[in-house]
Amino acid sequence: MDNHKNESQTSQEELQHLREVNEPEDFEHLEPDEEQYEARQAAGSLIWLLPLSVALVVLVVIFFVVMSL
C-alpha cells in the first residue's frame, strides 16, 4: 500500500522528499533511537572475539605440528 502512496505524491512533495533524503547526517543532534542503550554501546563490544580466534588457530596449528612428529 505504501507504493500507491508514493505514486500519488505531487512533484513538489516528491522534490521535498528527495531533499530530505539527500541531506547529510546530523551527528550533533541525535535521533531518538540513538539515545537508546543499544545504540550507545561501543562498536567494538565483540573485540574479545579476535584474540580468542587467533589463540584457537595457534593451538590447532601447534596440535597438528606436534601430532606430525
PDB file of N, CA and C in Angstrom:
ATOM      1  N   MET A   1       0.811  -1.190   0.000  1.00  0.00           N
ATOM      2  CA  MET A   1       0.000   0.000   0.000  1.00  0.00           C
ATOM      3  C   MET A   1       0.857   1.258   0.000  1.00  0.00           C
ATOM      4  N   ASP A   2       2.076   1.179   0.535  1.00  0.00           N
ATOM      5  CA  ASP A   2       2.946   2.345   0.563  1.00  0.00           C
ATOM      6  C   ASP A   2       3.341   2.774  -0.840  1.00  0.00           C
ATOM      7  N   ASN A   3       3.399   1.821  -1.784  1.00  0.00           N
ATOM      8  CA  ASN A   3       3.762   2.165  -3.155  1.00  0.00           C
ATOM      9  C   ASN A   3       2.737   3.096  -3.775  1.00  0.00           C
ATOM     10  N   HIS A   4       1.448   2.863  -3.478  1.00  0.00           N
ATOM     11  CA  HIS A   4       0.401   3.721  -4.010  1.00  0.00           C
ATOM     12  C   HIS A   4       0.508   5.124  -3.414  1.00  0.00           C
ATOM     13  N   LYS A   5       0.936   5.191  -2.172  1.00  0.00           N
ATOM     14  CA  LYS A   5       1.079   6.477  -1.507  1.00  0.00           C
ATOM     15  C   LYS A   5       2.156   7.306  -2.194  1.00  0.00           C
ATOM     16  N   ASN A   6       3.305   6.676  -2.533  1.00  0.00           N
ATOM     17  CA  ASN A   6       4.392   7.375  -3.191  1.00  0.00           C
ATOM     18  C   ASN A   6       4.009   7.815  -4.600  1.00  0.00           C
ATOM     19  N   GLU A   7       3.194   7.022  -5.278  1.00  0.00           N
ATOM     20  CA  GLU A   7       2.814   7.346  -6.643  1.00  0.00           C
ATOM     21  C   GLU A   7       1.883   8.554  -6.694  1.00  0.00           C
ATOM     22  N   SER A   8       1.129   8.791  -5.637  1.00  0.00           N
ATOM     23  CA  SER A   8       0.159   9.869  -5.660  1.00  0.00           C
ATOM     24  C   SER A   8       0.744  11.186  -5.163  1.00  0.00           C
ATOM     25  N   GLN A   9       2.046  11.230  -4.868  1.00  0.00           N
ATOM     26  CA  GLN A   9       2.663  12.464  -4.422  1.00  0.00           C
ATOM     27  C   GLN A   9       2.727  13.471  -5.573  1.00  0.00           C
ATOM     28  N   THR A  10       2.588  14.715  -5.203  1.00  0.00           N
ATOM     29  CA  THR A  10       2.770  15.748  -6.214  1.00  0.00           C
ATOM     30  C   THR A  10       4.257  15.919  -6.464  1.00  0.00           C
ATOM     31  N   SER A  11       4.590  16.602  -7.543  1.00  0.00           N
ATOM     32  CA  SER A  11       6.009  16.796  -7.845  1.00  0.00           C
ATOM     33  C   SER A  11       6.687  17.614  -6.748  1.00  0.00           C
ATOM     34  N   GLN A  12       5.960  18.524  -6.118  1.00  0.00           N
ATOM     35  CA  GLN A  12       6.521  19.331  -5.024  1.00  0.00           C
ATOM     36  C   GLN A  12       6.816  18.448  -3.813  1.00  0.00           C
ATOM     37  N   GLU A  13       5.895  17.536  -3.472  1.00  0.00           N
ATOM     38  CA  GLU A  13       6.112  16.615  -2.351  1.00  0.00           C
ATOM     39  C   GLU A  13       7.278  15.685  -2.635  1.00  0.00           C
ATOM     40  N   GLU A  14       7.370  15.232  -3.866  1.00  0.00           N
ATOM     41  CA  GLU A  14       8.457  14.340  -4.238  1.00  0.00           C
ATOM     42  C   GLU A  14       9.795  15.066  -4.155  1.00  0.00           C
ATOM     43  N   LEU A  15       9.856  16.313  -4.585  1.00  0.00           N
ATOM     44  CA  LEU A  15      11.070  17.105  -4.514  1.00  0.00           C
ATOM     45  C   LEU A  15      11.477  17.331  -3.061  1.00  0.00           C
ATOM     46  N   GLN A  16      10.520  17.611  -2.202  1.00  0.00           N
ATOM     47  CA  GLN A  16      10.800  17.800  -0.776  1.00  0.00           C
ATOM     48  C   GLN A  16      11.340  16.509  -0.168  1.00  0.00           C
ATOM     49  N   HIS A  17      10.763  15.393  -0.538  1.00  0.00           N
ATOM     50  CA  HIS A  17      11.229  14.102  -0.035  1.00  0.00           C
ATOM     51  C   HIS A  17      12.677  13.847  -0.470  1.00  0.00           C
ATOM     52  N   LEU A  18      12.997  14.126  -1.719  1.00  0.00           N
ATOM     53  CA  LEU A  18      14.356  13.919  -2.211  1.00  0.00           C
ATOM     54  C   LEU A  18      15.349  14.820  -1.499  1.00  0.00           C
ATOM     55  N   ARG A  19      14.945  16.045  -1.184  1.00  0.00           N
ATOM     56  CA  ARG A  19      15.825  16.945  -0.426  1.00  0.00           C
ATOM     57  C   ARG A  19      16.104  16.381   0.955  1.00  0.00           C
ATOM     58  N   GLU A  20      15.080  15.871   1.618  1.00  0.00           N
ATOM     59  CA  GLU A  20      15.252  15.309   2.962  1.00  0.00           C
ATOM     60  C   GLU A  20      16.152  14.078   2.940  1.00  0.00           C
ATOM     61  N   VAL A  21      15.990  13.242   1.930  1.00  0.00           N
ATOM     62  CA  VAL A  21      16.776  12.017   1.831  1.00  0.00           C
ATOM     63  C   VAL A  21      18.246  12.328   1.549  1.00  0.00           C
ATOM     64  N   ASN A  22      18.499  13.368   0.757  1.00  0.00           N
ATOM     65  CA  ASN A  22      19.862  13.693   0.354  1.00  0.00           C
ATOM     66  C   ASN A  22      20.601  14.577   1.346  1.00  0.00           C
ATOM     67  N   GLU A  23      19.956  14.985   2.444  1.00  0.00           N
ATOM     68  CA  GLU A  23      20.643  15.798   3.441  1.00  0.00           C
ATOM     69  C   GLU A  23      21.679  14.950   4.165  1.00  0.00           C
ATOM     70  N   PRO A  24      22.859  15.535   4.456  1.00  0.00           N
ATOM     71  CA  PRO A  24      23.879  14.772   5.192  1.00  0.00           C
ATOM     72  C   PRO A  24      23.422  14.478   6.620  1.00  0.00           C
ATOM     73  N   GLU A  25      24.004  13.468   7.200  1.00  0.00           N
ATOM     74  CA  GLU A  25      23.666  13.049   8.562  1.00  0.00           C
ATOM     75  C   GLU A  25      24.040  14.152   9.547  1.00  0.00           C
ATOM     76  N   ASP A  26      23.159  14.435  10.490  1.00  0.00           N
ATOM     77  CA  ASP A  26      23.407  15.445  11.513  1.00  0.00           C
ATOM     78  C   ASP A  26      23.858  14.736  12.783  1.00  0.00           C
ATOM     79  N   PHE A  27      25.177  14.695  13.018  1.00  0.00           N
ATOM     80  CA  PHE A  27      25.698  13.961  14.163  1.00  0.00           C
ATOM     81  C   PHE A  27      25.616  14.771  15.457  1.00  0.00           C
ATOM     82  N   GLU A  28      25.402  16.069  15.368  1.00  0.00           N
ATOM     83  CA  GLU A  28      25.315  16.881  16.576  1.00  0.00           C
ATOM     84  C   GLU A  28      23.960  16.727  17.256  1.00  0.00           C
ATOM     85  N   HIS A  29      22.911  16.484  16.487  1.00  0.00           N
ATOM     86  CA  HIS A  29      21.570  16.320  17.041  1.00  0.00           C
ATOM     87  C   HIS A  29      21.122  14.887  16.770  1.00  0.00           C
ATOM     88  N   LEU A  30      21.272  14.054  17.788  1.00  0.00           N
ATOM     89  CA  LEU A  30      20.985  12.627  17.630  1.00  0.00           C
ATOM     90  C   LEU A  30      19.500  12.379  17.430  1.00  0.00           C
ATOM     91  N   GLU A  31      19.214  11.346  16.669  1.00  0.00           N
ATOM     92  CA  GLU A  31      17.834  10.910  16.511  1.00  0.00           C
ATOM     93  C   GLU A  31      17.426  10.164  17.780  1.00  0.00           C
ATOM     94  N   PRO A  32      16.148  10.066  18.062  1.00  0.00           N
ATOM     95  CA  PRO A  32      15.711   9.423  19.306  1.00  0.00           C
ATOM     96  C   PRO A  32      16.251   8.003  19.494  1.00  0.00           C
ATOM     97  N   ASP A  33      16.343   7.199  18.421  1.00  0.00           N
ATOM     98  CA  ASP A  33      16.814   5.821  18.603  1.00  0.00           C
ATOM     99  C   ASP A  33      18.270   5.794  19.056  1.00  0.00           C
ATOM    100  N   GLU A  34      19.050   6.794  18.668  1.00  0.00           N
ATOM    101  CA  GLU A  34      20.463   6.787  19.023  1.00  0.00           C
ATOM    102  C   GLU A  34      20.682   7.080  20.502  1.00  0.00           C
ATOM    103  N   GLU A  35      19.645   7.521  21.193  1.00  0.00           N
ATOM    104  CA  GLU A  35      19.768   7.772  22.621  1.00  0.00           C
ATOM    105  C   GLU A  35      19.464   6.509  23.431  1.00  0.00           C
ATOM    106  N   GLN A  36      19.001   5.460  22.786  1.00  0.00           N
ATOM    107  CA  GLN A  36      18.710   4.214  23.489  1.00  0.00           C
ATOM    108  C   GLN A  36      20.010   3.507  23.848  1.00  0.00           C
ATOM    109  N   TYR A  37      19.924   2.650  24.866  1.00  0.00           N
ATOM    110  CA  TYR A  37      21.112   1.976  25.386  1.00  0.00           C
ATOM    111  C   TYR A  37      21.853   1.185  24.312  1.00  0.00           C
ATOM    112  N   GLU A  38      21.118   0.444  23.485  1.00  0.00           N
ATOM    113  CA  GLU A  38      21.761  -0.395  22.479  1.00  0.00           C
ATOM    114  C   GLU A  38      22.543   0.439  21.472  1.00  0.00           C
ATOM    115  N   ALA A  39      22.036   1.610  21.157  1.00  0.00           N
ATOM    116  CA  ALA A  39      22.710   2.464  20.177  1.00  0.00           C
ATOM    117  C   ALA A  39      23.952   3.117  20.763  1.00  0.00           C
ATOM    118  N   ARG A  40      24.025   3.226  22.079  1.00  0.00           N
ATOM    119  CA  ARG A  40      25.173   3.863  22.708  1.00  0.00           C
ATOM    120  C   ARG A  40      26.293   2.875  22.988  1.00  0.00           C
ATOM    121  N   GLN A  41      26.059   1.588  22.824  1.00  0.00           N
ATOM    122  CA  GLN A  41      27.097   0.602  23.095  1.00  0.00           C
ATOM    123  C   GLN A  41      28.254   0.794  22.138  1.00  0.00           C
ATOM    124  N   ALA A  42      29.439   0.486  22.621  1.00  0.00           N
ATOM    125  CA  ALA A  42      30.631   0.627  21.795  1.00  0.00           C
ATOM    126  C   ALA A  42      30.564  -0.320  20.603  1.00  0.00           C
ATOM    127  N   ALA A  43      31.081   0.127  19.488  1.00  0.00           N
ATOM    128  CA  ALA A  43      31.057  -0.688  18.277  1.00  0.00           C
ATOM    129  C   ALA A  43      31.928  -1.926  18.433  1.00  0.00           C
ATOM    130  N   GLY A  44      32.941  -1.851  19.277  1.00  0.00           N
ATOM    131  CA  GLY A  44      33.858  -2.971  19.457  1.00  0.00           C
ATOM    132  C   GLY A  44      33.489  -3.854  20.629  1.00  0.00           C
ATOM    133  N   SER A  45      32.218  -4.079  20.858  1.00  0.00           N
ATOM    134  CA  SER A  45      31.802  -4.877  22.006  1.00  0.00           C
ATOM    135  C   SER A  45      32.199  -6.347  21.864  1.00  0.00           C
ATOM    136  N   LEU A  46      32.512  -6.789  20.663  1.00  0.00           N
ATOM    137  CA  LEU A  46      32.962  -8.170  20.453  1.00  0.00           C
ATOM    138  C   LEU A  46      34.464  -8.230  20.195  1.00  0.00           C
ATOM    139  N   ILE A  47      35.194  -7.252  20.704  1.00  0.00           N
ATOM    140  CA  ILE A  47      36.629  -7.165  20.438  1.00  0.00           C
ATOM    141  C   ILE A  47      37.386  -8.365  21.021  1.00  0.00           C
ATOM    142  N   TRP A  48      36.841  -9.026  22.010  1.00  0.00           N
ATOM    143  CA  TRP A  48      37.488 -10.194  22.608  1.00  0.00           C
ATOM    144  C   TRP A  48      37.478 -11.383  21.660  1.00  0.00           C
ATOM    145  N   LEU A  49      36.615 -11.356  20.660  1.00  0.00           N
ATOM    146  CA  LEU A  49      36.488 -12.483  19.738  1.00  0.00           C
ATOM    147  C   LEU A  49      37.729 -12.659  18.864  1.00  0.00           C
ATOM    148  N   LEU A  50      38.370 -11.570  18.467  1.00  0.00           N
ATOM    149  CA  LEU A  50      39.562 -11.655  17.627  1.00  0.00           C
ATOM    150  C   LEU A  50      40.717 -12.338  18.350  1.00  0.00           C
ATOM    151  N   PRO A  51      41.124 -11.925  19.552  1.00  0.00           N
ATOM    152  CA  PRO A  51      42.219 -12.629  20.241  1.00  0.00           C
ATOM    153  C   PRO A  51      41.882 -14.096  20.533  1.00  0.00           C
ATOM    154  N   LEU A  52      40.640 -14.371  20.838  1.00  0.00           N
ATOM    155  CA  LEU A  52      40.234 -15.755  21.092  1.00  0.00           C
ATOM    156  C   LEU A  52      40.386 -16.592  19.829  1.00  0.00           C
ATOM    157  N   SER A  53      39.985 -16.056  18.695  1.00  0.00           N
ATOM    158  CA  SER A  53      40.114 -16.778  17.426  1.00  0.00           C
ATOM    159  C   SER A  53      41.581 -17.025  17.081  1.00  0.00           C
ATOM    160  N   VAL A  54      42.412 -16.011  17.276  1.00  0.00           N
ATOM    161  CA  VAL A  54      43.848 -16.162  16.995  1.00  0.00           C
ATOM    162  C   VAL A  54      44.440 -17.236  17.894  1.00  0.00           C
ATOM    163  N   ALA A  55      44.103 -17.210  19.175  1.00  0.00           N
ATOM    164  CA  ALA A  55      44.627 -18.208  20.104  1.00  0.00           C
ATOM    165  C   ALA A  55      44.171 -19.609  19.712  1.00  0.00           C
ATOM    166  N   LEU A  56      42.934 -19.741  19.298  1.00  0.00           N
ATOM    167  CA  LEU A  56      42.412 -21.045  18.885  1.00  0.00           C
ATOM    168  C   LEU A  56      43.148 -21.566  17.653  1.00  0.00           C
ATOM    169  N   VAL A  57      43.391 -20.697  16.680  1.00  0.00           N
ATOM    170  CA  VAL A  57      44.114 -21.102  15.471  1.00  0.00           C
ATOM    171  C   VAL A  57      45.538 -21.516  15.826  1.00  0.00           C
ATOM    172  N   VAL A  58      46.196 -20.765  16.698  1.00  0.00           N
ATOM    173  CA  VAL A  58      47.564 -21.105  17.116  1.00  0.00           C
ATOM    174  C   VAL A  58      47.576 -22.464  17.812  1.00  0.00           C
ATOM    175  N   LEU A  59      46.623 -22.723  18.676  1.00  0.00           N
ATOM    176  CA  LEU A  59      46.566 -24.014  19.366  1.00  0.00           C
ATOM    177  C   LEU A  59      46.335 -25.165  18.390  1.00  0.00           C
ATOM    178  N   VAL A  60      45.494 -24.974  17.395  1.00  0.00           N
ATOM    179  CA  VAL A  60      45.244 -26.020  16.402  1.00  0.00           C
ATOM    180  C   VAL A  60      46.502 -26.281  15.587  1.00  0.00           C
ATOM    181  N   VAL A  61      47.208 -25.234  15.191  1.00  0.00           N
ATOM    182  CA  VAL A  61      48.450 -25.397  14.425  1.00  0.00           C
ATOM    183  C   VAL A  61      49.486 -26.133  15.263  1.00  0.00           C
ATOM    184  N   ILE A  62      49.634 -25.747  16.530  1.00  0.00           N
ATOM    185  CA  ILE A  62      50.585 -26.436  17.414  1.00  0.00           C
ATOM    186  C   ILE A  62      50.202 -27.896  17.564  1.00  0.00           C
ATOM    187  N   PHE A  63      48.920 -28.189  17.700  1.00  0.00           N
ATOM    188  CA  PHE A  63      48.455 -29.560  17.832  1.00  0.00           C
ATOM    189  C   PHE A  63      48.858 -30.388  16.607  1.00  0.00           C
ATOM    190  N   PHE A  64      48.626 -29.853  15.395  1.00  0.00           N
ATOM    191  CA  PHE A  64      48.966 -30.598  14.183  1.00  0.00           C
ATOM    192  C   PHE A  64      50.471 -30.744  14.016  1.00  0.00           C
ATOM    193  N   VAL A  65      51.237 -29.754  14.423  1.00  0.00           N
ATOM    194  CA  VAL A  65      52.703 -29.862  14.327  1.00  0.00           C
ATOM    195  C   VAL A  65      53.206 -30.938  15.288  1.00  0.00           C
ATOM    196  N   VAL A  66      52.681 -30.992  16.496  1.00  0.00           N
ATOM    197  CA  VAL A  66      53.100 -31.981  17.486  1.00  0.00           C
ATOM    198  C   VAL A  66      52.671 -33.383  17.027  1.00  0.00           C
ATOM    199  N   MET A  67      51.477 -33.505  16.458  1.00  0.00           N
ATOM    200  CA  MET A  67      50.989 -34.816  16.032  1.00  0.00           C
ATOM    201  C   MET A  67      51.765 -35.337  14.810  1.00  0.00           C
ATOM    202  N   SER A  68      52.335 -34.448  14.017  1.00  0.00           N
ATOM    203  CA  SER A  68      53.062 -34.908  12.837  1.00  0.00           C
ATOM    204  C   SER A  68      54.484 -35.353  13.153  1.00  0.00           C
ATOM    205  N   LEU A  69      54.964 -35.090  14.346  1.00  0.00           N
ATOM    206  CA  LEU A  69      56.333 -35.503  14.724  1.00  0.00           C
ATOM    207  C   LEU A  69      56.439 -36.971  14.972  1.00  0.00           C
TER     208      LEU A  69
END
